[in-house]
Amino acid sequence: MAKPNDFFVGIIDLFAILLPGGVLTFILLTEYESFFDKVINLTGAQGWVAFLFGSYLLGHIIFMIGAKLDDLYDAQRKKKNPYTNESAYQCATKIKNRLLDKEETKSINTYHWSISFLTTQYPEAMVEINRLVADSKFFRSLVVILPIISLILILDKLYLHAVIFLALIVPCYLRYYGRRLKSTTRAYQYIVMLNGLGKIL
C-alpha cells in the first residue's frame, strides 16, 4: 500500500517538472501550431505523445534554470536572517553534529541531513514538508516561464497582456521564497521537536 510520502514525492515531480513544462509546451504548440504541424501530427495519440515529451523535456530545462534562483534565495535569507529559521537551524545543526562523527558532519549539510532523517525514520512528517517544497518549486518555475510568455505576447504585439504577465513575476517569486523558507524551517523544527521528545537517540 502506498504511503502518503510516496504520493507527495510524485506531487513534487508533477509541480516541479511536468506541470510547468506542460504550460510552456501548450503555449508553444498553440502559438506555433503551423510550424509543429510540419514536423509531427498533433492530433490523436501522436499529439499526446508530443505534448507529454515536450512537457517532460521543457520541464527539466525550466527546473535547471529555476534552480539558479536558489542562490538568490540563499543570499536574501542570509541578509534578512529570519529569526525562527536561524534558531531552528542552529538547534538542528547541534543535534546533527552530536549524532555524526566529526568527519561526517562536513559531508552533509543540516537541511539534507534533516530531510534524510525524517524520510527514513518519520515519513509522516515529510508530508507537510513535501507539500511546501512542491509549492515552492512550482512558483519558482513560474518565475522562469512568465518572461517567456511575455516575450511571446510582445512579439504578437499584445503589450498590455505582456505587462500583466511580467507583473506576476514578483508575487510568484515572493511566494516561492515564502514556501521554501517555511519548508526548511519546518524540517528543522521537526528535528528539534523529535529530539525534545527523545525520539532521536
N, C-alpha and C. Protein backbone atom coordinates (compact mmCIF):
# COMPACT_ATOMS: atom_id res chain seq x y z
N MET A 1 0.85 -1.20 0.00
CA MET A 1 0.00 0.00 0.00
C MET A 1 0.88 1.25 0.00
N ALA A 2 0.59 2.21 -0.84
CA ALA A 2 1.42 3.41 -0.95
C ALA A 2 1.30 4.26 0.30
N LYS A 3 2.42 4.79 0.73
CA LYS A 3 2.44 5.68 1.88
C LYS A 3 2.14 7.10 1.42
N PRO A 4 1.67 7.96 2.33
CA PRO A 4 1.42 9.35 1.96
C PRO A 4 2.66 10.02 1.39
N ASN A 5 3.83 9.68 1.93
CA ASN A 5 5.06 10.30 1.47
C ASN A 5 5.36 9.94 0.02
N ASP A 6 5.04 8.68 -0.36
CA ASP A 6 5.26 8.27 -1.74
C ASP A 6 4.40 9.11 -2.69
N PHE A 7 3.18 9.39 -2.25
CA PHE A 7 2.26 10.18 -3.06
C PHE A 7 2.79 11.59 -3.29
N PHE A 8 3.29 12.22 -2.21
CA PHE A 8 3.74 13.59 -2.33
C PHE A 8 5.06 13.72 -3.06
N VAL A 9 5.87 12.67 -3.10
CA VAL A 9 7.05 12.71 -3.95
C VAL A 9 6.61 12.85 -5.40
N GLY A 10 5.55 12.09 -5.77
CA GLY A 10 5.00 12.22 -7.11
C GLY A 10 4.45 13.62 -7.35
N ILE A 11 3.85 14.21 -6.33
CA ILE A 11 3.31 15.55 -6.44
C ILE A 11 4.43 16.56 -6.69
N ILE A 12 5.57 16.37 -6.04
CA ILE A 12 6.71 17.26 -6.24
C ILE A 12 7.16 17.21 -7.69
N ASP A 13 7.29 15.99 -8.23
CA ASP A 13 7.69 15.85 -9.64
C ASP A 13 6.67 16.53 -10.56
N LEU A 14 5.40 16.37 -10.22
CA LEU A 14 4.35 16.97 -11.04
C LEU A 14 4.44 18.49 -11.04
N PHE A 15 4.58 19.08 -9.85
CA PHE A 15 4.59 20.53 -9.74
C PHE A 15 5.91 21.12 -10.21
N ALA A 16 7.01 20.40 -10.03
CA ALA A 16 8.33 20.95 -10.35
C ALA A 16 8.70 20.79 -11.82
N ILE A 17 8.19 19.74 -12.47
CA ILE A 17 8.64 19.43 -13.83
C ILE A 17 7.47 19.36 -14.83
N LEU A 18 6.56 18.42 -14.61
CA LEU A 18 5.53 18.17 -15.62
C LEU A 18 4.56 19.32 -15.82
N LEU A 19 4.08 19.90 -14.72
CA LEU A 19 3.10 20.98 -14.85
C LEU A 19 3.70 22.24 -15.48
N PRO A 20 4.86 22.73 -15.01
CA PRO A 20 5.46 23.90 -15.68
C PRO A 20 5.82 23.61 -17.13
N GLY A 21 6.36 22.41 -17.38
CA GLY A 21 6.69 22.04 -18.76
C GLY A 21 5.45 21.95 -19.61
N GLY A 22 4.37 21.47 -19.04
CA GLY A 22 3.12 21.36 -19.78
C GLY A 22 2.56 22.72 -20.16
N VAL A 23 2.67 23.69 -19.25
CA VAL A 23 2.18 25.04 -19.53
C VAL A 23 2.94 25.65 -20.72
N LEU A 24 4.27 25.55 -20.67
CA LEU A 24 5.07 26.14 -21.74
C LEU A 24 4.89 25.39 -23.05
N THR A 25 4.78 24.06 -22.99
CA THR A 25 4.57 23.26 -24.20
C THR A 25 3.24 23.63 -24.86
N PHE A 26 2.20 23.76 -24.06
CA PHE A 26 0.88 24.13 -24.58
C PHE A 26 0.93 25.48 -25.28
N ILE A 27 1.60 26.44 -24.67
CA ILE A 27 1.69 27.78 -25.25
C ILE A 27 2.45 27.74 -26.57
N LEU A 28 3.57 27.02 -26.59
CA LEU A 28 4.38 26.95 -27.81
C LEU A 28 3.64 26.21 -28.93
N LEU A 29 2.97 25.10 -28.57
CA LEU A 29 2.23 24.35 -29.58
C LEU A 29 1.07 25.15 -30.14
N THR A 30 0.46 25.97 -29.28
CA THR A 30 -0.66 26.80 -29.73
C THR A 30 -0.17 27.96 -30.58
N GLU A 31 0.91 28.59 -30.14
CA GLU A 31 1.43 29.78 -30.83
C GLU A 31 2.05 29.43 -32.18
N TYR A 32 2.75 28.31 -32.21
CA TYR A 32 3.47 27.92 -33.43
C TYR A 32 2.94 26.60 -33.99
N GLU A 33 1.63 26.49 -34.01
CA GLU A 33 0.97 25.26 -34.45
C GLU A 33 1.33 24.91 -35.88
N SER A 34 1.36 25.89 -36.75
CA SER A 34 1.65 25.63 -38.16
C SER A 34 3.05 25.07 -38.34
N PHE A 35 3.99 25.54 -37.53
CA PHE A 35 5.36 25.05 -37.63
C PHE A 35 5.46 23.59 -37.17
N PHE A 36 4.85 23.30 -36.02
CA PHE A 36 4.94 21.94 -35.48
C PHE A 36 4.15 20.94 -36.31
N ASP A 37 3.10 21.42 -37.00
CA ASP A 37 2.33 20.53 -37.87
C ASP A 37 3.19 19.97 -39.00
N LYS A 38 4.21 20.73 -39.39
CA LYS A 38 5.09 20.27 -40.45
C LYS A 38 6.06 19.19 -39.95
N VAL A 39 6.25 19.16 -38.63
CA VAL A 39 7.20 18.21 -38.05
C VAL A 39 6.51 16.94 -37.57
N ILE A 40 5.34 17.11 -36.94
CA ILE A 40 4.64 15.96 -36.38
C ILE A 40 3.14 16.21 -36.40
N ASN A 41 2.39 15.16 -36.51
CA ASN A 41 0.93 15.25 -36.47
C ASN A 41 0.49 15.48 -35.03
N LEU A 42 -0.15 16.62 -34.77
CA LEU A 42 -0.50 16.99 -33.41
C LEU A 42 -1.88 16.49 -33.00
N THR A 43 -2.51 15.70 -33.83
CA THR A 43 -3.83 15.17 -33.49
C THR A 43 -3.71 13.73 -33.02
N GLY A 44 -4.67 13.31 -32.22
CA GLY A 44 -4.71 11.93 -31.76
C GLY A 44 -3.58 11.56 -30.82
N ALA A 45 -3.21 10.28 -30.86
CA ALA A 45 -2.18 9.75 -29.96
C ALA A 45 -0.83 10.42 -30.16
N GLN A 46 -0.48 10.71 -31.42
CA GLN A 46 0.80 11.35 -31.69
C GLN A 46 0.88 12.72 -31.03
N GLY A 47 -0.22 13.42 -31.02
CA GLY A 47 -0.25 14.74 -30.39
C GLY A 47 -0.02 14.66 -28.90
N TRP A 48 -0.65 13.66 -28.25
CA TRP A 48 -0.46 13.49 -26.80
C TRP A 48 0.96 13.07 -26.48
N VAL A 49 1.54 12.21 -27.31
CA VAL A 49 2.94 11.81 -27.09
C VAL A 49 3.87 13.01 -27.21
N ALA A 50 3.63 13.83 -28.23
CA ALA A 50 4.44 15.03 -28.43
C ALA A 50 4.29 15.99 -27.26
N PHE A 51 3.05 16.13 -26.77
CA PHE A 51 2.79 17.04 -25.65
C PHE A 51 3.49 16.55 -24.38
N LEU A 52 3.38 15.26 -24.07
CA LEU A 52 4.00 14.70 -22.87
C LEU A 52 5.52 14.75 -22.96
N PHE A 53 6.05 14.45 -24.14
CA PHE A 53 7.50 14.52 -24.33
C PHE A 53 8.00 15.96 -24.15
N GLY A 54 7.28 16.91 -24.79
CA GLY A 54 7.66 18.31 -24.66
C GLY A 54 7.56 18.80 -23.22
N SER A 55 6.51 18.37 -22.52
CA SER A 55 6.33 18.77 -21.12
C SER A 55 7.47 18.27 -20.25
N TYR A 56 7.86 17.02 -20.48
CA TYR A 56 8.94 16.44 -19.68
C TYR A 56 10.28 17.11 -19.98
N LEU A 57 10.54 17.31 -21.26
CA LEU A 57 11.81 17.91 -21.67
C LEU A 57 11.91 19.36 -21.21
N LEU A 58 10.91 20.17 -21.55
CA LEU A 58 10.94 21.57 -21.17
C LEU A 58 10.86 21.73 -19.65
N GLY A 59 10.15 20.81 -19.00
CA GLY A 59 10.05 20.86 -17.54
C GLY A 59 11.41 20.76 -16.88
N HIS A 60 12.25 19.86 -17.39
CA HIS A 60 13.59 19.70 -16.83
C HIS A 60 14.46 20.92 -17.12
N ILE A 61 14.31 21.50 -18.30
CA ILE A 61 15.07 22.71 -18.64
C ILE A 61 14.66 23.87 -17.74
N ILE A 62 13.35 24.02 -17.56
CA ILE A 62 12.83 25.06 -16.66
C ILE A 62 13.33 24.84 -15.25
N PHE A 63 13.35 23.57 -14.82
CA PHE A 63 13.81 23.24 -13.47
C PHE A 63 15.27 23.65 -13.29
N MET A 64 16.11 23.35 -14.28
CA MET A 64 17.53 23.67 -14.17
C MET A 64 17.76 25.18 -14.12
N ILE A 65 17.01 25.91 -14.95
CA ILE A 65 17.14 27.37 -14.94
C ILE A 65 16.64 27.94 -13.61
N GLY A 66 15.50 27.42 -13.16
CA GLY A 66 14.91 27.89 -11.91
C GLY A 66 15.79 27.62 -10.71
N ALA A 67 16.60 26.55 -10.79
CA ALA A 67 17.48 26.22 -9.66
C ALA A 67 18.47 27.34 -9.37
N LYS A 68 18.75 28.18 -10.38
CA LYS A 68 19.66 29.32 -10.17
C LYS A 68 19.06 30.33 -9.19
N LEU A 69 17.73 30.34 -9.08
CA LEU A 69 17.08 31.25 -8.14
C LEU A 69 17.38 30.88 -6.70
N ASP A 70 17.80 29.63 -6.46
CA ASP A 70 18.12 29.21 -5.10
C ASP A 70 19.29 30.01 -4.54
N ASP A 71 20.22 30.40 -5.41
CA ASP A 71 21.35 31.22 -4.96
C ASP A 71 20.86 32.59 -4.49
N LEU A 72 19.90 33.15 -5.25
CA LEU A 72 19.33 34.44 -4.85
C LEU A 72 18.57 34.30 -3.54
N TYR A 73 17.84 33.18 -3.41
CA TYR A 73 17.11 32.91 -2.16
C TYR A 73 18.07 32.84 -0.98
N ASP A 74 19.16 32.09 -1.13
CA ASP A 74 20.13 31.94 -0.03
C ASP A 74 20.71 33.28 0.37
N ALA A 75 21.04 34.11 -0.62
CA ALA A 75 21.62 35.42 -0.32
C ALA A 75 20.63 36.30 0.43
N GLN A 76 19.37 36.29 -0.02
CA GLN A 76 18.36 37.10 0.65
C GLN A 76 18.04 36.58 2.05
N ARG A 77 17.99 35.26 2.19
CA ARG A 77 17.67 34.71 3.51
C ARG A 77 18.77 35.04 4.52
N LYS A 78 20.02 34.95 4.09
CA LYS A 78 21.12 35.26 4.98
C LYS A 78 21.14 36.74 5.35
N LYS A 79 20.74 37.58 4.38
CA LYS A 79 20.71 39.01 4.64
C LYS A 79 19.59 39.36 5.61
N LYS A 80 18.41 38.78 5.37
CA LYS A 80 17.27 39.07 6.24
C LYS A 80 17.39 38.32 7.57
N ASN A 81 18.02 37.14 7.51
CA ASN A 81 18.27 36.33 8.70
C ASN A 81 17.00 36.14 9.55
N PRO A 82 15.97 35.48 8.99
CA PRO A 82 14.74 35.27 9.77
C PRO A 82 15.03 34.53 11.06
N TYR A 83 14.58 35.08 12.16
CA TYR A 83 14.93 34.54 13.48
C TYR A 83 14.47 33.10 13.65
N THR A 84 13.23 32.82 13.28
CA THR A 84 12.71 31.47 13.51
C THR A 84 13.49 30.44 12.72
N ASN A 85 13.84 30.77 11.49
CA ASN A 85 14.60 29.84 10.67
C ASN A 85 15.99 29.65 11.22
N GLU A 86 16.66 30.75 11.60
CA GLU A 86 18.04 30.68 12.07
C GLU A 86 18.14 29.92 13.39
N SER A 87 17.19 30.18 14.30
CA SER A 87 17.20 29.50 15.59
C SER A 87 16.99 28.00 15.42
N ALA A 88 16.01 27.63 14.60
CA ALA A 88 15.74 26.21 14.35
C ALA A 88 16.92 25.54 13.66
N TYR A 89 17.55 26.28 12.74
CA TYR A 89 18.71 25.75 12.02
C TYR A 89 19.86 25.45 12.98
N GLN A 90 20.15 26.38 13.87
CA GLN A 90 21.26 26.20 14.82
C GLN A 90 21.00 24.99 15.73
N CYS A 91 19.77 24.85 16.19
CA CYS A 91 19.43 23.71 17.07
C CYS A 91 19.55 22.39 16.32
N ALA A 92 19.03 22.34 15.09
CA ALA A 92 19.10 21.12 14.29
C ALA A 92 20.55 20.77 13.97
N THR A 93 21.38 21.78 13.73
CA THR A 93 22.79 21.55 13.43
C THR A 93 23.50 20.92 14.63
N LYS A 94 23.19 21.38 15.83
CA LYS A 94 23.80 20.80 17.03
C LYS A 94 23.40 19.34 17.20
N ILE A 95 22.14 19.03 16.90
CA ILE A 95 21.66 17.65 17.00
C ILE A 95 22.37 16.78 15.98
N LYS A 96 22.49 17.28 14.75
CA LYS A 96 23.18 16.54 13.70
C LYS A 96 24.63 16.28 14.07
N ASN A 97 25.32 17.30 14.53
CA ASN A 97 26.74 17.17 14.88
C ASN A 97 26.95 16.22 16.05
N ARG A 98 25.95 16.12 16.92
CA ARG A 98 26.05 15.22 18.06
C ARG A 98 25.97 13.76 17.62
N LEU A 99 25.18 13.52 16.58
CA LEU A 99 24.94 12.14 16.14
C LEU A 99 25.97 11.64 15.14
N LEU A 100 26.62 12.55 14.43
CA LEU A 100 27.57 12.14 13.40
C LEU A 100 29.01 12.32 13.87
N ASP A 101 29.90 11.55 13.26
CA ASP A 101 31.33 11.75 13.52
C ASP A 101 31.75 13.10 12.95
N LYS A 102 32.85 13.63 13.47
CA LYS A 102 33.32 14.94 13.05
C LYS A 102 33.57 15.00 11.56
N GLU A 103 34.13 13.93 10.99
CA GLU A 103 34.39 13.89 9.55
C GLU A 103 33.10 13.86 8.74
N GLU A 104 32.08 13.19 9.30
CA GLU A 104 30.82 13.04 8.59
C GLU A 104 30.02 14.34 8.54
N THR A 105 30.19 15.18 9.56
CA THR A 105 29.41 16.43 9.60
C THR A 105 29.75 17.35 8.44
N LYS A 106 30.94 17.20 7.88
CA LYS A 106 31.36 18.06 6.78
C LYS A 106 30.81 17.59 5.43
N SER A 107 30.35 16.35 5.37
CA SER A 107 29.91 15.79 4.09
C SER A 107 28.43 16.00 3.81
N ILE A 108 27.67 16.46 4.79
CA ILE A 108 26.23 16.65 4.58
C ILE A 108 25.77 17.87 5.37
N ASN A 109 25.01 18.75 4.70
CA ASN A 109 24.55 19.94 5.41
C ASN A 109 23.32 19.61 6.26
N THR A 110 22.96 20.54 7.10
CA THR A 110 21.89 20.30 8.08
C THR A 110 20.55 20.02 7.43
N TYR A 111 20.22 20.76 6.36
CA TYR A 111 18.94 20.55 5.72
C TYR A 111 18.83 19.16 5.10
N HIS A 112 19.86 18.76 4.35
CA HIS A 112 19.82 17.44 3.72
C HIS A 112 19.81 16.33 4.77
N TRP A 113 20.53 16.53 5.86
CA TRP A 113 20.51 15.53 6.93
C TRP A 113 19.12 15.44 7.55
N SER A 114 18.50 16.59 7.78
CA SER A 114 17.16 16.61 8.38
C SER A 114 16.15 15.89 7.49
N ILE A 115 16.22 16.19 6.17
CA ILE A 115 15.30 15.55 5.24
C ILE A 115 15.55 14.04 5.18
N SER A 116 16.81 13.64 5.15
CA SER A 116 17.15 12.21 5.10
C SER A 116 16.66 11.50 6.35
N PHE A 117 16.85 12.13 7.49
CA PHE A 117 16.42 11.52 8.75
C PHE A 117 14.91 11.38 8.80
N LEU A 118 14.20 12.44 8.47
CA LEU A 118 12.74 12.40 8.52
C LEU A 118 12.17 11.41 7.50
N THR A 119 12.79 11.34 6.32
CA THR A 119 12.31 10.43 5.28
C THR A 119 12.43 8.97 5.70
N THR A 120 13.56 8.63 6.35
CA THR A 120 13.80 7.24 6.72
C THR A 120 13.16 6.85 8.05
N GLN A 121 13.05 7.81 8.97
CA GLN A 121 12.57 7.49 10.31
C GLN A 121 11.14 7.94 10.58
N TYR A 122 10.75 9.08 10.04
CA TYR A 122 9.41 9.62 10.29
C TYR A 122 8.82 10.18 8.99
N PRO A 123 8.50 9.28 8.05
CA PRO A 123 7.99 9.76 6.74
C PRO A 123 6.70 10.56 6.84
N GLU A 124 5.93 10.35 7.92
CA GLU A 124 4.69 11.11 8.07
C GLU A 124 4.98 12.61 8.18
N ALA A 125 6.12 12.93 8.78
CA ALA A 125 6.48 14.34 8.94
C ALA A 125 6.83 14.98 7.60
N MET A 126 7.20 14.15 6.63
CA MET A 126 7.60 14.67 5.33
C MET A 126 6.41 15.09 4.47
N VAL A 127 5.20 14.68 4.86
CA VAL A 127 4.02 15.02 4.06
C VAL A 127 3.88 16.53 3.94
N GLU A 128 3.90 17.22 5.08
CA GLU A 128 3.78 18.68 5.07
C GLU A 128 4.95 19.34 4.36
N ILE A 129 6.16 18.85 4.64
CA ILE A 129 7.35 19.45 4.03
C ILE A 129 7.33 19.28 2.51
N ASN A 130 6.97 18.10 2.04
CA ASN A 130 6.93 17.86 0.60
C ASN A 130 5.87 18.71 -0.09
N ARG A 131 4.79 18.97 0.61
CA ARG A 131 3.75 19.84 0.04
C ARG A 131 4.29 21.26 -0.12
N LEU A 132 5.02 21.72 0.87
CA LEU A 132 5.61 23.06 0.80
C LEU A 132 6.68 23.13 -0.28
N VAL A 133 7.49 22.07 -0.40
CA VAL A 133 8.53 22.02 -1.42
C VAL A 133 7.90 22.03 -2.81
N ALA A 134 6.82 21.28 -2.98
CA ALA A 134 6.13 21.25 -4.29
C ALA A 134 5.63 22.64 -4.65
N ASP A 135 5.04 23.34 -3.68
CA ASP A 135 4.56 24.70 -3.94
C ASP A 135 5.71 25.62 -4.33
N SER A 136 6.81 25.56 -3.57
CA SER A 136 7.93 26.46 -3.83
C SER A 136 8.53 26.23 -5.21
N LYS A 137 8.66 24.97 -5.61
CA LYS A 137 9.25 24.68 -6.92
C LYS A 137 8.32 25.06 -8.05
N PHE A 138 7.03 24.95 -7.82
CA PHE A 138 6.07 25.36 -8.85
C PHE A 138 6.17 26.86 -9.11
N PHE A 139 6.17 27.65 -8.04
CA PHE A 139 6.24 29.10 -8.21
C PHE A 139 7.62 29.53 -8.70
N ARG A 140 8.65 28.78 -8.35
CA ARG A 140 9.98 29.05 -8.89
C ARG A 140 9.99 28.86 -10.41
N SER A 141 9.32 27.82 -10.87
CA SER A 141 9.23 27.58 -12.31
C SER A 141 8.42 28.66 -13.02
N LEU A 142 7.39 29.17 -12.34
CA LEU A 142 6.59 30.25 -12.94
C LEU A 142 7.43 31.50 -13.17
N VAL A 143 8.38 31.75 -12.26
CA VAL A 143 9.27 32.90 -12.43
C VAL A 143 10.08 32.77 -13.71
N VAL A 144 10.38 31.54 -14.11
CA VAL A 144 11.11 31.30 -15.36
C VAL A 144 10.18 31.38 -16.56
N ILE A 145 8.97 30.85 -16.44
CA ILE A 145 8.04 30.78 -17.57
C ILE A 145 7.45 32.13 -17.93
N LEU A 146 7.13 32.94 -16.93
CA LEU A 146 6.42 34.20 -17.18
C LEU A 146 7.16 35.15 -18.14
N PRO A 147 8.48 35.31 -18.03
CA PRO A 147 9.16 36.17 -19.02
C PRO A 147 9.07 35.63 -20.44
N ILE A 148 9.08 34.30 -20.58
CA ILE A 148 8.96 33.69 -21.90
C ILE A 148 7.59 33.98 -22.50
N ILE A 149 6.56 33.82 -21.66
CA ILE A 149 5.19 34.11 -22.12
C ILE A 149 5.08 35.59 -22.52
N SER A 150 5.67 36.46 -21.72
CA SER A 150 5.62 37.90 -22.00
C SER A 150 6.30 38.22 -23.32
N LEU A 151 7.43 37.56 -23.58
CA LEU A 151 8.14 37.78 -24.84
C LEU A 151 7.29 37.37 -26.03
N ILE A 152 6.61 36.23 -25.91
CA ILE A 152 5.73 35.77 -26.99
C ILE A 152 4.60 36.77 -27.22
N LEU A 153 4.05 37.30 -26.13
CA LEU A 153 2.97 38.28 -26.24
C LEU A 153 3.47 39.58 -26.87
N ILE A 154 4.69 39.97 -26.55
CA ILE A 154 5.26 41.18 -27.16
C ILE A 154 5.43 40.99 -28.66
N LEU A 155 5.89 39.81 -29.06
CA LEU A 155 6.05 39.52 -30.49
C LEU A 155 4.71 39.53 -31.21
N ASP A 156 3.64 39.20 -30.46
CA ASP A 156 2.29 39.25 -31.02
C ASP A 156 1.66 40.63 -30.88
N LYS A 157 2.46 41.60 -30.34
CA LYS A 157 2.02 42.98 -30.15
C LYS A 157 0.87 43.09 -29.14
N LEU A 158 0.83 42.16 -28.20
CA LEU A 158 -0.15 42.23 -27.12
C LEU A 158 0.57 42.77 -25.88
N TYR A 159 0.85 44.06 -25.93
CA TYR A 159 1.73 44.68 -24.93
C TYR A 159 1.11 44.71 -23.53
N LEU A 160 -0.17 45.00 -23.44
CA LEU A 160 -0.82 45.04 -22.14
C LEU A 160 -0.79 43.67 -21.46
N HIS A 161 -1.08 42.64 -22.23
CA HIS A 161 -1.03 41.28 -21.70
C HIS A 161 0.39 40.93 -21.23
N ALA A 162 1.37 41.36 -22.01
CA ALA A 162 2.76 41.09 -21.65
C ALA A 162 3.12 41.75 -20.34
N VAL A 163 2.67 42.98 -20.14
CA VAL A 163 2.96 43.70 -18.90
C VAL A 163 2.31 42.99 -17.71
N ILE A 164 1.11 42.49 -17.89
CA ILE A 164 0.41 41.78 -16.81
C ILE A 164 1.19 40.54 -16.39
N PHE A 165 1.66 39.78 -17.37
CA PHE A 165 2.42 38.57 -17.05
C PHE A 165 3.76 38.92 -16.41
N LEU A 166 4.39 40.00 -16.86
CA LEU A 166 5.64 40.43 -16.24
C LEU A 166 5.42 40.84 -14.79
N ALA A 167 4.30 41.49 -14.54
CA ALA A 167 3.99 41.94 -13.18
C ALA A 167 3.78 40.76 -12.22
N LEU A 168 3.41 39.62 -12.77
CA LEU A 168 3.17 38.44 -11.93
C LEU A 168 4.47 37.80 -11.44
N ILE A 169 5.60 38.19 -12.01
CA ILE A 169 6.88 37.60 -11.63
C ILE A 169 7.18 37.86 -10.16
N VAL A 170 6.95 39.10 -9.72
CA VAL A 170 7.28 39.47 -8.33
C VAL A 170 6.47 38.67 -7.31
N PRO A 171 5.12 38.63 -7.42
CA PRO A 171 4.38 37.83 -6.44
C PRO A 171 4.71 36.34 -6.49
N CYS A 172 5.03 35.83 -7.69
CA CYS A 172 5.40 34.41 -7.80
C CYS A 172 6.74 34.15 -7.08
N TYR A 173 7.67 35.08 -7.24
CA TYR A 173 8.95 34.92 -6.55
C TYR A 173 8.77 35.01 -5.04
N LEU A 174 7.96 35.95 -4.59
CA LEU A 174 7.72 36.08 -3.16
C LEU A 174 7.05 34.83 -2.59
N ARG A 175 6.15 34.25 -3.37
CA ARG A 175 5.50 33.01 -2.93
C ARG A 175 6.51 31.87 -2.86
N TYR A 176 7.39 31.79 -3.86
CA TYR A 176 8.46 30.79 -3.85
C TYR A 176 9.35 30.98 -2.63
N TYR A 177 9.74 32.22 -2.36
CA TYR A 177 10.61 32.50 -1.22
C TYR A 177 9.95 32.07 0.09
N GLY A 178 8.68 32.44 0.25
CA GLY A 178 7.97 32.13 1.49
C GLY A 178 7.78 30.65 1.70
N ARG A 179 7.41 29.93 0.65
CA ARG A 179 7.16 28.48 0.80
C ARG A 179 8.46 27.73 1.02
N ARG A 180 9.54 28.17 0.36
CA ARG A 180 10.83 27.49 0.58
C ARG A 180 11.33 27.73 1.99
N LEU A 181 11.22 28.97 2.45
CA LEU A 181 11.65 29.28 3.81
C LEU A 181 10.86 28.46 4.83
N LYS A 182 9.57 28.33 4.61
CA LYS A 182 8.74 27.58 5.54
C LYS A 182 9.08 26.09 5.50
N SER A 183 9.40 25.56 4.31
CA SER A 183 9.72 24.13 4.21
C SER A 183 11.01 23.81 4.96
N THR A 184 12.04 24.66 4.82
CA THR A 184 13.30 24.40 5.52
C THR A 184 13.12 24.58 7.03
N THR A 185 12.38 25.62 7.40
CA THR A 185 12.14 25.86 8.83
C THR A 185 11.40 24.70 9.47
N ARG A 186 10.38 24.19 8.79
CA ARG A 186 9.60 23.07 9.34
C ARG A 186 10.46 21.82 9.48
N ALA A 187 11.37 21.59 8.54
CA ALA A 187 12.26 20.43 8.65
C ALA A 187 13.11 20.53 9.90
N TYR A 188 13.69 21.71 10.15
CA TYR A 188 14.50 21.91 11.34
C TYR A 188 13.65 21.78 12.61
N GLN A 189 12.45 22.34 12.57
CA GLN A 189 11.57 22.31 13.74
C GLN A 189 11.16 20.88 14.10
N TYR A 190 10.91 20.05 13.08
CA TYR A 190 10.58 18.65 13.34
C TYR A 190 11.74 17.95 14.04
N ILE A 191 12.97 18.21 13.59
CA ILE A 191 14.14 17.60 14.21
C ILE A 191 14.25 18.02 15.67
N VAL A 192 14.07 19.30 15.92
CA VAL A 192 14.16 19.82 17.29
C VAL A 192 13.06 19.22 18.17
N MET A 193 11.85 19.14 17.63
CA MET A 193 10.73 18.60 18.40
C MET A 193 10.95 17.12 18.71
N LEU A 194 11.37 16.34 17.70
CA LEU A 194 11.60 14.91 17.92
C LEU A 194 12.72 14.68 18.92
N ASN A 195 13.73 15.53 18.86
CA ASN A 195 14.83 15.42 19.82
C ASN A 195 14.34 15.71 21.24
N GLY A 196 13.48 16.72 21.36
CA GLY A 196 12.94 17.06 22.67
C GLY A 196 12.05 15.94 23.25
N LEU A 197 11.42 15.19 22.36
CA LEU A 197 10.56 14.09 22.79
C LEU A 197 11.36 12.80 23.00
N GLY A 198 12.66 12.87 22.80
CA GLY A 198 13.51 11.69 22.98
C GLY A 198 13.41 10.69 21.86
N LYS A 199 12.94 11.13 20.68
CA LYS A 199 12.79 10.23 19.54
C LYS A 199 14.08 10.11 18.72
N ILE A 200 15.05 10.98 19.00
CA ILE A 200 16.32 10.92 18.31
C ILE A 200 17.38 10.51 19.32
N LEU A 201 17.98 9.36 19.12
CA LEU A 201 18.96 8.84 20.08
C LEU A 201 20.32 9.49 19.85
